[in-house]
């Protein structure tokens, strides 16, 4: 029974890494489309399902995937100073089984004490402290897509 529960938990970890990365990538894509000189991030995860900024039907995410670690509770949202969503995290306070061999964009997960420390962000949170205003066009797009540019899965 103990081995089976660990197998299930490892599978949920894999699902968390996949779902968190999908949401992060969709936030990056949303921010790269249309904002003019100012980078615009979604105000709600549902904005990724159907972009409210466009009269044409534009989707960045097929569905808002449930958090596999909390088994359906809402994701924790990481917001910038303007209240826009720049990332998500699990609300689970359990200690992760996986502690190494993460893809390059998620190398910081190795020091995580809980799944809530696995933060899937489109913009590094340190930049928000340094620059509370949104960055302009190309700089924001290149920084936001850098983890995706590594082209490595979780």
Protein backbone atom coordinates (compact mmCIF):
# COMPACT_ATOMS: atom_id res chain seq x y z
CA UNK A 1 0.00 0.00 0.00
CA UNK A 2 2.84 2.40 0.81
CA UNK A 3 4.57 1.75 -2.49
CA UNK A 4 1.32 2.22 -4.42
CA UNK A 5 0.62 5.55 -2.70
CA UNK A 6 4.12 6.77 -3.61
CA UNK A 7 3.59 5.71 -7.22
CA UNK A 8 0.34 7.69 -7.28
CA UNK A 9 1.99 10.72 -5.69
CA UNK A 10 4.86 10.65 -8.20
CA UNK A 11 2.29 10.54 -11.01
CA UNK A 12 0.50 13.55 -9.51
CA UNK A 13 3.86 15.36 -9.36
CA UNK A 14 4.36 14.68 -13.08
CA UNK A 15 0.85 15.98 -13.75
CA UNK A 16 1.58 19.09 -11.66
CA UNK A 17 4.75 19.81 -13.62
CA UNK A 18 2.91 19.35 -16.92
CA UNK A 19 -0.21 21.36 -16.01
CA UNK A 20 1.78 24.17 -14.38
CA UNK A 21 4.02 24.42 -17.43
CA UNK A 22 1.02 24.49 -19.79
CA UNK A 23 -0.56 27.33 -17.82
CA UNK A 24 2.76 29.23 -17.66
CA UNK A 25 3.26 28.87 -21.41
CA UNK A 26 -0.28 30.08 -22.11
CA UNK A 27 0.30 33.15 -19.92
CA UNK A 28 3.47 33.89 -21.92
CA UNK A 29 1.56 33.52 -25.21
CA UNK A 30 -1.27 35.75 -23.93
CA UNK A 31 1.22 38.45 -22.94
CA UNK A 32 2.90 38.40 -26.35
CA UNK A 33 -0.30 39.01 -28.27
CA UNK A 34 -1.68 42.53 -28.54
CA UNK A 35 -0.57 44.76 -25.62
CA UNK A 36 1.12 47.47 -27.67
CA UNK A 37 4.01 48.96 -25.69
CA UNK A 38 2.72 47.60 -22.39
CA UNK A 39 2.78 43.88 -21.56
CA UNK A 40 -0.70 42.70 -20.66
CA UNK A 41 -1.26 39.55 -18.62
CA UNK A 42 -4.63 37.90 -17.92
CA UNK A 43 -6.78 39.05 -15.00
CA UNK A 44 -8.33 35.58 -14.60
CA UNK A 45 -7.32 32.10 -15.76
CA UNK A 46 -10.54 31.96 -17.78
CA UNK A 47 -9.10 34.74 -19.99
CA UNK A 48 -6.69 32.09 -21.30
CA UNK A 49 -9.63 29.99 -22.50
CA UNK A 50 -11.21 32.79 -24.51
CA UNK A 51 -9.29 36.04 -24.92
CA UNK A 52 -11.61 38.93 -23.93
CA UNK A 53 -9.35 41.44 -25.73
CA UNK A 54 -10.16 40.08 -29.17
CA UNK A 55 -13.43 40.01 -31.10
CA UNK A 56 -12.13 36.89 -32.88
CA UNK A 57 -12.13 33.60 -30.99
CA UNK A 58 -8.62 33.21 -29.57
CA UNK A 59 -7.62 30.51 -27.10
CA UNK A 60 -4.33 30.06 -25.30
CA UNK A 61 -5.31 27.07 -23.16
CA UNK A 62 -7.75 24.20 -23.79
CA UNK A 63 -8.96 24.10 -20.20
CA UNK A 64 -7.91 25.31 -16.79
CA UNK A 65 -6.32 22.11 -15.60
CA UNK A 66 -7.04 21.19 -11.98
CA UNK A 67 -4.22 21.19 -9.46
CA UNK A 68 -3.37 17.47 -9.15
CA UNK A 69 -1.80 17.83 -5.71
CA UNK A 70 -4.87 19.37 -4.06
CA UNK A 71 -7.15 17.32 -6.29
CA UNK A 72 -9.27 20.11 -7.65
CA UNK A 73 -8.81 23.09 -5.37
CA UNK A 74 -8.09 26.31 -7.20
CA UNK A 75 -4.52 27.16 -8.13
CA UNK A 76 -2.70 29.79 -6.14
CA UNK A 77 -2.28 32.84 -8.36
CA UNK A 78 0.86 34.95 -8.64
CA UNK A 79 -0.05 38.50 -9.57
CA UNK A 80 2.01 41.49 -10.63
CA UNK A 81 1.57 44.89 -8.94
CA UNK A 82 -1.27 45.70 -11.37
CA UNK A 83 -3.22 42.59 -10.34
CA UNK A 84 -2.54 40.65 -13.53
CA UNK A 85 -1.77 36.92 -13.33
CA UNK A 86 1.86 36.12 -14.12
CA UNK A 87 1.92 32.57 -12.76
CA UNK A 88 0.38 29.80 -10.70
CA UNK A 89 1.36 27.43 -7.92
CA UNK A 90 -0.16 24.49 -6.10
CA UNK A 91 -1.68 25.25 -2.72
CA UNK A 92 -0.46 21.92 -1.36
CA UNK A 93 1.86 22.24 1.63
CA UNK A 94 3.09 18.63 1.34
CA UNK A 95 6.81 18.08 0.84
CA UNK A 96 7.68 16.98 -2.72
CA UNK A 97 9.07 13.53 -3.41
CA UNK A 98 10.96 14.83 -6.45
CA UNK A 99 13.92 16.93 -5.34
CA UNK A 100 16.24 16.87 -8.32
CA UNK A 101 16.70 16.48 -12.06
CA UNK A 102 14.27 19.23 -13.01
CA UNK A 103 14.30 20.82 -16.45
CA UNK A 104 16.44 23.97 -16.59
CA UNK A 105 13.56 26.47 -16.26
CA UNK A 106 12.49 24.77 -13.03
CA UNK A 107 15.89 24.15 -11.43
CA UNK A 108 14.84 26.29 -8.46
CA UNK A 109 12.29 23.59 -7.55
CA UNK A 110 15.18 21.55 -6.11
CA UNK A 111 15.16 23.76 -2.99
CA UNK A 112 11.36 23.61 -2.57
CA UNK A 113 10.05 22.63 0.83
CA UNK A 114 6.49 22.16 -0.42
CA UNK A 115 4.60 21.93 -3.69
CA UNK A 116 3.50 25.53 -3.09
CA UNK A 117 7.13 26.50 -3.72
CA UNK A 118 6.90 25.12 -7.27
CA UNK A 119 5.97 28.44 -8.88
CA UNK A 120 5.21 28.45 -12.60
CA UNK A 121 5.78 32.08 -13.61
CA UNK A 122 5.89 33.83 -16.96
CA UNK A 123 8.03 36.61 -15.48
CA UNK A 124 10.64 36.02 -12.78
CA UNK A 125 9.17 37.35 -9.54
CA UNK A 126 12.44 39.13 -8.69
CA UNK A 127 11.89 41.40 -11.69
CA UNK A 128 8.55 42.51 -10.28
CA UNK A 129 10.22 43.74 -7.11
CA UNK A 130 12.88 45.60 -9.09
CA UNK A 131 10.46 46.96 -11.69
CA UNK A 132 6.89 47.26 -10.49
CA UNK A 133 5.81 48.76 -13.84
CA UNK A 134 5.34 46.42 -16.78
CA UNK A 135 8.27 46.26 -19.14
CA UNK A 136 7.87 47.19 -22.74
CA UNK A 137 7.32 44.94 -25.75
CA UNK A 138 10.41 43.03 -26.91
CA UNK A 139 12.18 42.97 -23.54
CA UNK A 140 9.14 41.50 -21.79
CA UNK A 141 8.50 38.99 -24.57
CA UNK A 142 12.07 37.70 -24.60
CA UNK A 143 12.28 37.45 -20.81
CA UNK A 144 8.86 35.84 -20.52
CA UNK A 145 9.59 33.22 -23.13
CA UNK A 146 13.10 32.34 -21.98
CA UNK A 147 12.05 29.20 -20.03
CA UNK A 148 10.05 28.05 -23.05
CA UNK A 149 13.04 28.73 -25.26
CA UNK A 150 14.96 26.09 -23.34
CA UNK A 151 12.49 23.70 -25.02
CA UNK A 152 12.75 21.19 -22.21
CA UNK A 153 9.77 19.56 -20.61
CA UNK A 154 9.32 19.51 -16.84
